Amino acid sequence: MSVSSSRRHEARWNISCPRPPRSLCLSSLFVNPVALHNAFVDLPSLDIWTTLVTGDGTSSTAAVRTPVNNSPVTDVESPDITCNVNPSPATETVSVAAGSMVGFLLDNTLYHQGPAAIYLGTAPTSVAEWDGSGANWFKIAEWGAEFDPFGFTDFNLSALNTTIPASVPNGEYLIRIEQIGLHVAGAPQWYISCAQIAVTGGGTASPSKVSIPGYVSSDDPSLTVNIYNPVPTAYTVPGPAVFTG
């Protein structure tokens, strides 16, 4: 396992995992072009953020509100965009020191081109009882694009991590990760998980907060962009600016 630096203050874990087959080809003796196209059956991708990791060596699946399957969320204005569709409840809340590393492991590598981000949501009461609603979210990391050649910096990674700003106040939070697949132009796909943490040793910062949904609109150019033609020469990760403390 190697750790390399990313822009801003993030780090990226580059972990190689085999990719699943993307399709099965059903063949017959005589196939016309339309039949050949229809004979390719897409298999579900394994894009589930299953594990919370921290700088003190903690690795927890119990703290993650695990999605019921690997189908992406496709409506950015749906409540499902918060923590995915009916995720299973987490059974623990992991303590994480402000100023230390936190992140998520994926059950595969990211093979859809698109940006990623990590958010913190301040729980108004016990985090185990909070559904993530309300203007309580702020972004602490993002992974965008590079341009020579064009591609997204999270592509082919199987873990994303960052540092919780040292000034973040103590308390219970949902930590939310999203990766947005932009491989189908005009039809973005969100791969999302939330986990429960308790920040300790923090400060007194009061970052600006947004609601999720509500943090980005469906017509945002960062979501409607065609990443193939013409190839973008600039790209802004959707959502608010990163809070760095």
C-alpha atoms as a PDB file:
ATOM      1  CA  MET A   1       0.000   0.000   0.000  1.00  0.00           C
ATOM      2  CA  SER A   2       1.478   3.340  -1.037  1.00  0.00           C
ATOM      3  CA  VAL A   3       0.419   6.861  -0.166  1.00  0.00           C
ATOM      4  CA  SER A   4       0.939   9.757  -2.540  1.00  0.00           C
ATOM      5  CA  SER A   5       0.110  13.436  -2.268  1.00  0.00           C
ATOM      6  CA  SER A   6      -2.806  15.079  -4.040  1.00  0.00           C
ATOM      7  CA  ARG A   7      -3.643  18.740  -4.589  1.00  0.00           C
ATOM      8  CA  ARG A   8      -4.836  20.657  -1.525  1.00  0.00           C
ATOM      9  CA  HIS A   9      -4.141  18.633   1.605  1.00  0.00           C
ATOM     10  CA  GLU A  10      -5.483  15.243   0.543  1.00  0.00           C
ATOM     11  CA  ALA A  11      -3.570  12.000   0.168  1.00  0.00           C
ATOM     12  CA  ARG A  12      -4.488   9.146  -2.097  1.00  0.00           C
ATOM     13  CA  TRP A  13      -4.073   5.454  -1.354  1.00  0.00           C
ATOM     14  CA  ASN A  14      -3.272   3.628  -4.556  1.00  0.00           C
ATOM     15  CA  ILE A  15      -4.385   0.045  -4.068  1.00  0.00           C
ATOM     16  CA  SER A  16      -4.570  -2.287  -7.016  1.00  0.00           C
ATOM     17  CA  CYS A  17      -7.610  -4.516  -7.269  1.00  0.00           C
ATOM     18  CA  PRO A  18      -8.798  -6.601 -10.227  1.00  0.00           C
ATOM     19  CA  ARG A  19     -11.616  -5.088 -12.208  1.00  0.00           C
ATOM     20  CA  PRO A  20     -14.816  -7.094 -12.660  1.00  0.00           C
ATOM     21  CA  PRO A  21     -15.921  -8.013 -16.168  1.00  0.00           C
ATOM     22  CA  ARG A  22     -17.927  -5.160 -17.620  1.00  0.00           C
ATOM     23  CA  SER A  23     -20.080  -7.186 -19.979  1.00  0.00           C
ATOM     24  CA  LEU A  24     -20.945 -10.630 -21.230  1.00  0.00           C
ATOM     25  CA  CYS A  25     -21.091 -11.185 -24.968  1.00  0.00           C
ATOM     26  CA  LEU A  26     -23.924 -13.405 -26.133  1.00  0.00           C
ATOM     27  CA  SER A  27     -23.113 -14.655 -29.581  1.00  0.00           C
ATOM     28  CA  SER A  28     -25.017 -16.452 -32.285  1.00  0.00           C
ATOM     29  CA  LEU A  29     -24.152 -17.739 -35.715  1.00  0.00           C
ATOM     30  CA  PHE A  30     -25.741 -14.850 -37.596  1.00  0.00           C
ATOM     31  CA  VAL A  31     -25.729 -11.452 -35.884  1.00  0.00           C
ATOM     32  CA  ASN A  32     -26.710  -8.113 -37.372  1.00  0.00           C
ATOM     33  CA  PRO A  33     -25.265  -4.890 -35.852  1.00  0.00           C
ATOM     34  CA  VAL A  34     -28.389  -4.087 -33.813  1.00  0.00           C
ATOM     35  CA  ALA A  35     -28.581  -7.586 -32.395  1.00  0.00           C
ATOM     36  CA  LEU A  36     -24.867  -7.488 -31.601  1.00  0.00           C
ATOM     37  CA  HIS A  37     -25.283  -4.234 -29.694  1.00  0.00           C
ATOM     38  CA  ASN A  38     -28.219  -5.607 -27.725  1.00  0.00           C
ATOM     39  CA  ALA A  39     -26.348  -8.812 -26.942  1.00  0.00           C
ATOM     40  CA  PHE A  40     -23.917  -7.029 -24.637  1.00  0.00           C
ATOM     41  CA  VAL A  41     -25.336  -7.219 -21.146  1.00  0.00           C
ATOM     42  CA  ASP A  42     -23.849  -4.786 -18.637  1.00  0.00           C
ATOM     43  CA  LEU A  43     -22.893  -6.354 -15.338  1.00  0.00           C
ATOM     44  CA  PRO A  44     -23.187  -4.394 -12.083  1.00  0.00           C
ATOM     45  CA  SER A  45     -20.011  -2.604 -11.062  1.00  0.00           C
ATOM     46  CA  LEU A  46     -18.598  -2.978  -7.581  1.00  0.00           C
ATOM     47  CA  ASP A  47     -18.491   0.641  -6.519  1.00  0.00           C
ATOM     48  CA  ILE A  48     -19.370   0.506  -2.816  1.00  0.00           C
ATOM     49  CA  TRP A  49     -17.425   2.412  -0.169  1.00  0.00           C
ATOM     50  CA  THR A  50     -17.460  -0.280   2.493  1.00  0.00           C
ATOM     51  CA  THR A  51     -14.838   0.629   5.089  1.00  0.00           C
ATOM     52  CA  LEU A  52     -13.928   3.672   7.190  1.00  0.00           C
ATOM     53  CA  VAL A  53     -10.210   4.063   7.966  1.00  0.00           C
ATOM     54  CA  THR A  54      -8.427   6.467  10.314  1.00  0.00           C
ATOM     55  CA  GLY A  55      -4.894   7.600  10.985  1.00  0.00           C
ATOM     56  CA  ASP A  56      -4.574   5.564  14.190  1.00  0.00           C
ATOM     57  CA  GLY A  57      -5.026   2.325  12.266  1.00  0.00           C
ATOM     58  CA  THR A  58      -8.749   1.859  12.817  1.00  0.00           C
ATOM     59  CA  SER A  59     -10.576   0.061  10.009  1.00  0.00           C
ATOM     60  CA  SER A  60     -14.334  -0.231  10.478  1.00  0.00           C
ATOM     61  CA  THR A  61     -17.160  -1.557   8.362  1.00  0.00           C
ATOM     62  CA  ALA A  62     -19.551  -1.287  11.322  1.00  0.00           C
ATOM     63  CA  ALA A  63     -19.328   2.522  11.280  1.00  0.00           C
ATOM     64  CA  VAL A  64     -20.465   2.685   7.639  1.00  0.00           C
ATOM     65  CA  ARG A  65     -24.108   2.961   6.634  1.00  0.00           C
ATOM     66  CA  THR A  66     -23.652   0.414   3.891  1.00  0.00           C
ATOM     67  CA  PRO A  67     -25.662   0.769   0.662  1.00  0.00           C
ATOM     68  CA  VAL A  68     -27.997  -2.139  -0.066  1.00  0.00           C
ATOM     69  CA  ASN A  69     -26.444  -2.631  -3.506  1.00  0.00           C
ATOM     70  CA  ASN A  70     -24.009  -1.056  -5.938  1.00  0.00           C
ATOM     71  CA  SER A  71     -26.563   0.771  -8.085  1.00  0.00           C
ATOM     72  CA  PRO A  72     -25.658   4.452  -8.394  1.00  0.00           C
ATOM     73  CA  VAL A  73     -27.868   7.332  -7.326  1.00  0.00           C
ATOM     74  CA  THR A  74     -28.827   9.317 -10.425  1.00  0.00           C
ATOM     75  CA  ASP A  75     -31.008  12.141  -9.059  1.00  0.00           C
ATOM     76  CA  VAL A  76     -28.973  14.847  -7.321  1.00  0.00           C
ATOM     77  CA  GLU A  77     -32.157  16.438  -5.981  1.00  0.00           C
ATOM     78  CA  SER A  78     -33.409  13.240  -4.316  1.00  0.00           C
ATOM     79  CA  PRO A  79     -32.972  12.547  -0.571  1.00  0.00           C
ATOM     80  CA  ASP A  80     -31.064   9.440  -1.680  1.00  0.00           C
ATOM     81  CA  ILE A  81     -28.142  11.702  -2.599  1.00  0.00           C
ATOM     82  CA  THR A  82     -27.411  12.211   1.116  1.00  0.00           C
ATOM     83  CA  CYS A  83     -26.303   8.722   2.139  1.00  0.00           C
ATOM     84  CA  ASN A  84     -27.574   6.485  -0.679  1.00  0.00           C
ATOM     85  CA  VAL A  85     -30.774   4.442  -0.968  1.00  0.00           C
ATOM     86  CA  ASN A  86     -31.941   2.885   2.321  1.00  0.00           C
ATOM     87  CA  PRO A  87     -28.458   2.043   3.623  1.00  0.00           C
ATOM     88  CA  SER A  88     -28.154  -0.413   6.470  1.00  0.00           C
ATOM     89  CA  PRO A  89     -27.660   1.259   9.883  1.00  0.00           C
ATOM     90  CA  ALA A  90     -24.158   1.645  11.253  1.00  0.00           C
ATOM     91  CA  THR A  91     -23.580  -0.071  14.576  1.00  0.00           C
ATOM     92  CA  GLU A  92     -20.687   1.988  15.890  1.00  0.00           C
ATOM     93  CA  THR A  93     -19.303   5.523  15.904  1.00  0.00           C
ATOM     94  CA  VAL A  94     -15.534   5.819  15.496  1.00  0.00           C
ATOM     95  CA  SER A  95     -13.509   8.484  17.316  1.00  0.00           C
ATOM     96  CA  VAL A  96     -11.211  10.517  15.060  1.00  0.00           C
ATOM     97  CA  ALA A  97      -8.860  13.248  16.264  1.00  0.00           C
ATOM     98  CA  ALA A  98      -9.084  16.616  14.537  1.00  0.00           C
ATOM     99  CA  GLY A  99      -5.966  17.109  12.438  1.00  0.00           C
ATOM    100  CA  SER A 100      -5.645  13.397  11.662  1.00  0.00           C
ATOM    101  CA  MET A 101      -6.340  11.228   8.634  1.00  0.00           C
ATOM    102  CA  VAL A 102      -9.710   9.738   7.787  1.00  0.00           C
ATOM    103  CA  GLY A 103     -10.922   8.025   4.645  1.00  0.00           C
ATOM    104  CA  PHE A 104     -12.837   5.254   2.908  1.00  0.00           C
ATOM    105  CA  LEU A 105     -11.907   2.010   1.184  1.00  0.00           C
ATOM    106  CA  LEU A 106     -13.773   0.921  -1.929  1.00  0.00           C
ATOM    107  CA  ASP A 107     -14.509  -2.721  -2.734  1.00  0.00           C
ATOM    108  CA  ASN A 108     -12.885  -2.254  -6.152  1.00  0.00           C
ATOM    109  CA  THR A 109     -10.963   0.336  -8.119  1.00  0.00           C
ATOM    110  CA  LEU A 110     -12.659   3.456  -9.473  1.00  0.00           C
ATOM    111  CA  TYR A 111     -13.032   2.703 -13.165  1.00  0.00           C
ATOM    112  CA  HIS A 112     -15.600   5.416 -13.961  1.00  0.00           C
ATOM    113  CA  GLN A 113     -14.022   8.761 -14.805  1.00  0.00           C
ATOM    114  CA  GLY A 114     -15.331  11.543 -12.575  1.00  0.00           C
ATOM    115  CA  PRO A 115     -14.648  13.706  -9.512  1.00  0.00           C
ATOM    116  CA  ALA A 116     -14.866  12.758  -5.840  1.00  0.00           C
ATOM    117  CA  ALA A 117     -15.309  14.613  -2.558  1.00  0.00           C
ATOM    118  CA  ILE A 118     -15.529  14.034   1.184  1.00  0.00           C
ATOM    119  CA  TYR A 119     -17.963  15.996   3.367  1.00  0.00           C
ATOM    120  CA  LEU A 120     -18.577  16.290   7.082  1.00  0.00           C
ATOM    121  CA  GLY A 121     -22.105  16.733   8.402  1.00  0.00           C
ATOM    122  CA  THR A 122     -22.579  18.076  11.923  1.00  0.00           C
ATOM    123  CA  ALA A 123     -25.090  15.895  13.761  1.00  0.00           C
ATOM    124  CA  PRO A 124     -27.645  18.070  15.618  1.00  0.00           C
ATOM    125  CA  THR A 125     -28.110  15.309  18.214  1.00  0.00           C
ATOM    126  CA  SER A 126     -26.728  11.766  18.311  1.00  0.00           C
ATOM    127  CA  VAL A 127     -25.227  10.918  14.924  1.00  0.00           C
ATOM    128  CA  ALA A 128     -26.818   7.463  15.081  1.00  0.00           C
ATOM    129  CA  GLU A 129     -30.233   9.142  15.077  1.00  0.00           C
ATOM    130  CA  TRP A 130     -29.553  11.692  12.316  1.00  0.00           C
ATOM    131  CA  ASP A 131     -30.574  11.144   8.704  1.00  0.00           C
ATOM    132  CA  GLY A 132     -28.292  13.830   7.290  1.00  0.00           C
ATOM    133  CA  SER A 133     -31.040  16.361   6.543  1.00  0.00           C
ATOM    134  CA  GLY A 134     -30.572  20.115   6.967  1.00  0.00           C
ATOM    135  CA  ALA A 135     -27.862  22.648   6.160  1.00  0.00           C
ATOM    136  CA  ASN A 136     -25.184  20.904   8.219  1.00  0.00           C
ATOM    137  CA  TRP A 137     -22.625  19.809   5.601  1.00  0.00           C
ATOM    138  CA  PHE A 138     -19.216  21.161   4.569  1.00  0.00           C
ATOM    139  CA  LYS A 139     -16.625  19.779   2.176  1.00  0.00           C
ATOM    140  CA  ILE A 140     -13.164  18.840   3.501  1.00  0.00           C
ATOM    141  CA  ALA A 141     -11.586  17.279   0.388  1.00  0.00           C
ATOM    142  CA  GLU A 142     -12.052  16.917  -3.347  1.00  0.00           C
ATOM    143  CA  TRP A 143     -10.438  15.149  -6.281  1.00  0.00           C
ATOM    144  CA  GLY A 144     -10.796  16.894  -9.620  1.00  0.00           C
ATOM    145  CA  ALA A 145      -9.293  16.694 -13.096  1.00  0.00           C
ATOM    146  CA  GLU A 146      -5.883  16.976 -14.695  1.00  0.00           C
ATOM    147  CA  PHE A 147      -5.413  18.001 -18.300  1.00  0.00           C
ATOM    148  CA  ASP A 148      -2.233  16.633 -19.886  1.00  0.00           C
ATOM    149  CA  PRO A 149      -3.797  14.272 -20.784  1.00  0.00           C
ATOM    150  CA  PHE A 150      -7.317  14.840 -19.461  1.00  0.00           C
ATOM    151  CA  GLY A 151      -8.506  12.533 -16.686  1.00  0.00           C
ATOM    152  CA  PHE A 152      -9.664  12.539 -13.090  1.00  0.00           C
ATOM    153  CA  THR A 153      -7.148  12.173 -10.285  1.00  0.00           C
ATOM    154  CA  ASP A 154      -9.156   9.499  -8.450  1.00  0.00           C
ATOM    155  CA  PHE A 155      -9.294   7.164 -11.465  1.00  0.00           C
ATOM    156  CA  ASN A 156      -8.094   3.607 -10.721  1.00  0.00           C
ATOM    157  CA  LEU A 157      -7.787   4.256  -6.988  1.00  0.00           C
ATOM    158  CA  SER A 158      -9.502   2.045  -4.425  1.00  0.00           C
ATOM    159  CA  ALA A 159      -9.244   4.327  -1.405  1.00  0.00           C
ATOM    160  CA  LEU A 160      -9.549   8.060  -0.795  1.00  0.00           C
ATOM    161  CA  ASN A 161      -8.469   9.804   2.372  1.00  0.00           C
ATOM    162  CA  THR A 162      -7.913  13.272   3.722  1.00  0.00           C
ATOM    163  CA  THR A 163      -7.160  15.173   6.934  1.00  0.00           C
ATOM    164  CA  ILE A 164      -9.895  16.493   9.208  1.00  0.00           C
ATOM    165  CA  PRO A 165      -9.032  20.179   9.675  1.00  0.00           C
ATOM    166  CA  ALA A 166      -7.630  20.765  13.156  1.00  0.00           C
ATOM    167  CA  SER A 167     -10.078  23.608  13.750  1.00  0.00           C
ATOM    168  CA  VAL A 168     -13.207  21.445  13.315  1.00  0.00           C
ATOM    169  CA  PRO A 169     -15.149  21.438  16.616  1.00  0.00           C
ATOM    170  CA  ASN A 170     -15.543  18.361  18.758  1.00  0.00           C
ATOM    171  CA  GLY A 171     -18.760  16.442  18.251  1.00  0.00           C
ATOM    172  CA  GLU A 172     -20.480  13.702  16.312  1.00  0.00           C
ATOM    173  CA  TYR A 173     -20.546  13.833  12.522  1.00  0.00           C
ATOM    174  CA  LEU A 174     -21.543  11.919   9.465  1.00  0.00           C
ATOM    175  CA  ILE A 175     -18.632  11.687   7.075  1.00  0.00           C
ATOM    176  CA  ARG A 176     -19.816  11.303   3.497  1.00  0.00           C
ATOM    177  CA  ILE A 177     -17.886  10.260   0.417  1.00  0.00           C
ATOM    178  CA  GLU A 178     -19.090  10.632  -3.158  1.00  0.00           C
ATOM    179  CA  GLN A 179     -17.603   9.722  -6.491  1.00  0.00           C
ATOM    180  CA  ILE A 180     -19.500  10.938  -9.536  1.00  0.00           C
ATOM    181  CA  GLY A 181     -19.212   8.860 -12.680  1.00  0.00           C
ATOM    182  CA  LEU A 182     -19.358  11.077 -15.769  1.00  0.00           C
ATOM    183  CA  HIS A 183     -18.816   8.315 -18.318  1.00  0.00           C
ATOM    184  CA  VAL A 184     -22.343   8.749 -19.734  1.00  0.00           C
ATOM    185  CA  ALA A 185     -22.668  12.332 -20.960  1.00  0.00           C
ATOM    186  CA  GLY A 186     -25.550  14.154 -19.304  1.00  0.00           C
ATOM    187  CA  ALA A 187     -26.344  11.259 -16.944  1.00  0.00           C
ATOM    188  CA  PRO A 188     -24.044  11.473 -13.885  1.00  0.00           C
ATOM    189  CA  GLN A 189     -23.922   8.580 -11.437  1.00  0.00           C
ATOM    190  CA  TRP A 190     -23.208   9.006  -7.716  1.00  0.00           C
ATOM    191  CA  TYR A 191     -21.461   6.312  -5.650  1.00  0.00           C
ATOM    192  CA  ILE A 192     -21.986   7.329  -2.022  1.00  0.00           C
ATOM    193  CA  SER A 193     -21.458   6.086   1.520  1.00  0.00           C
ATOM    194  CA  CYS A 194     -21.772   7.735   4.927  1.00  0.00           C
ATOM    195  CA  ALA A 195     -20.092   6.712   8.179  1.00  0.00           C
ATOM    196  CA  GLN A 196     -20.444   7.792  11.796  1.00  0.00           C
ATOM    197  CA  ILE A 197     -17.542   9.502  13.574  1.00  0.00           C
ATOM    198  CA  ALA A 198     -16.907  11.535  16.722  1.00  0.00           C
ATOM    199  CA  VAL A 199     -14.286  14.271  16.337  1.00  0.00           C
ATOM    200  CA  THR A 200     -12.051  14.817  19.365  1.00  0.00           C
ATOM    201  CA  GLY A 201      -9.376  17.387  20.186  1.00  0.00           C
ATOM    202  CA  GLY A 202     -10.892  19.922  17.811  1.00  0.00           C
ATOM    203  CA  GLY A 203     -11.153  23.685  17.621  1.00  0.00           C
ATOM    204  CA  THR A 204     -13.793  26.374  17.314  1.00  0.00           C
ATOM    205  CA  ALA A 205     -14.210  26.849  13.554  1.00  0.00           C
ATOM    206  CA  SER A 206     -17.635  27.548  12.087  1.00  0.00           C
ATOM    207  CA  PRO A 207     -17.458  26.603   8.391  1.00  0.00           C
ATOM    208  CA  SER A 208     -20.210  27.596   5.974  1.00  0.00           C
ATOM    209  CA  LYS A 209     -22.643  24.728   5.510  1.00  0.00           C
ATOM    210  CA  VAL A 210     -24.932  23.391   2.792  1.00  0.00           C
ATOM    211  CA  SER A 211     -27.798  20.940   2.543  1.00  0.00           C
ATOM    212  CA  ILE A 212     -27.476  17.616   0.723  1.00  0.00           C
ATOM    213  CA  PRO A 213     -29.581  17.557  -1.450  1.00  0.00           C
ATOM    214  CA  GLY A 214     -29.355  21.233  -2.292  1.00  0.00           C
ATOM    215  CA  TYR A 215     -25.569  21.535  -2.556  1.00  0.00           C
ATOM    216  CA  VAL A 216     -25.572  21.322  -6.365  1.00  0.00           C
ATOM    217  CA  SER A 217     -28.238  21.552  -9.061  1.00  0.00           C
ATOM    218  CA  SER A 218     -28.876  19.016 -11.798  1.00  0.00           C
ATOM    219  CA  ASP A 219     -27.958  21.550 -14.505  1.00  0.00           C
ATOM    220  CA  ASP A 220     -24.554  22.349 -13.008  1.00  0.00           C
ATOM    221  CA  PRO A 221     -21.984  22.362 -15.866  1.00  0.00           C
ATOM    222  CA  SER A 222     -19.732  20.071 -13.810  1.00  0.00           C
ATOM    223  CA  LEU A 223     -22.450  17.407 -14.085  1.00  0.00           C
ATOM    224  CA  THR A 224     -23.735  17.962 -17.633  1.00  0.00           C
ATOM    225  CA  VAL A 225     -20.255  18.120 -19.210  1.00  0.00           C
ATOM    226  CA  ASN A 226     -19.318  15.710 -21.972  1.00  0.00           C
ATOM    227  CA  ILE A 227     -15.839  14.556 -20.961  1.00  0.00           C
ATOM    228  CA  TYR A 228     -15.115  12.990 -24.368  1.00  0.00           C
ATOM    229  CA  ASN A 229     -16.014  15.561 -27.015  1.00  0.00           C
ATOM    230  CA  PRO A 230     -14.800  18.192 -26.792  1.00  0.00           C
ATOM    231  CA  VAL A 231     -12.223  17.174 -24.204  1.00  0.00           C
ATOM    232  CA  PRO A 232     -12.474  19.657 -21.293  1.00  0.00           C
ATOM    233  CA  THR A 233      -9.667  22.147 -20.750  1.00  0.00           C
ATOM    234  CA  ALA A 234     -10.996  23.195 -17.327  1.00  0.00           C
ATOM    235  CA  TYR A 235     -13.155  21.537 -14.705  1.00  0.00           C
ATOM    236  CA  THR A 236     -14.621  22.566 -11.335  1.00  0.00           C
ATOM    237  CA  VAL A 237     -15.657  19.881  -8.843  1.00  0.00           C
ATOM    238  CA  PRO A 238     -19.353  20.348  -8.016  1.00  0.00           C
ATOM    239  CA  GLY A 239     -20.427  21.611  -4.608  1.00  0.00           C
ATOM    240  CA  PRO A 240     -18.998  24.201  -2.225  1.00  0.00           C
ATOM    241  CA  ALA A 241     -15.344  25.099  -1.816  1.00  0.00           C
ATOM    242  CA  VAL A 242     -13.192  22.880   0.394  1.00  0.00           C
ATOM    243  CA  PHE A 243     -12.989  23.998   4.014  1.00  0.00           C
ATOM    244  CA  THR A 244      -9.348  23.804   5.071  1.00  0.00           C
ATOM    245  CA  GLY A 245      -9.610  25.364   8.535  1.00  0.00           C
END
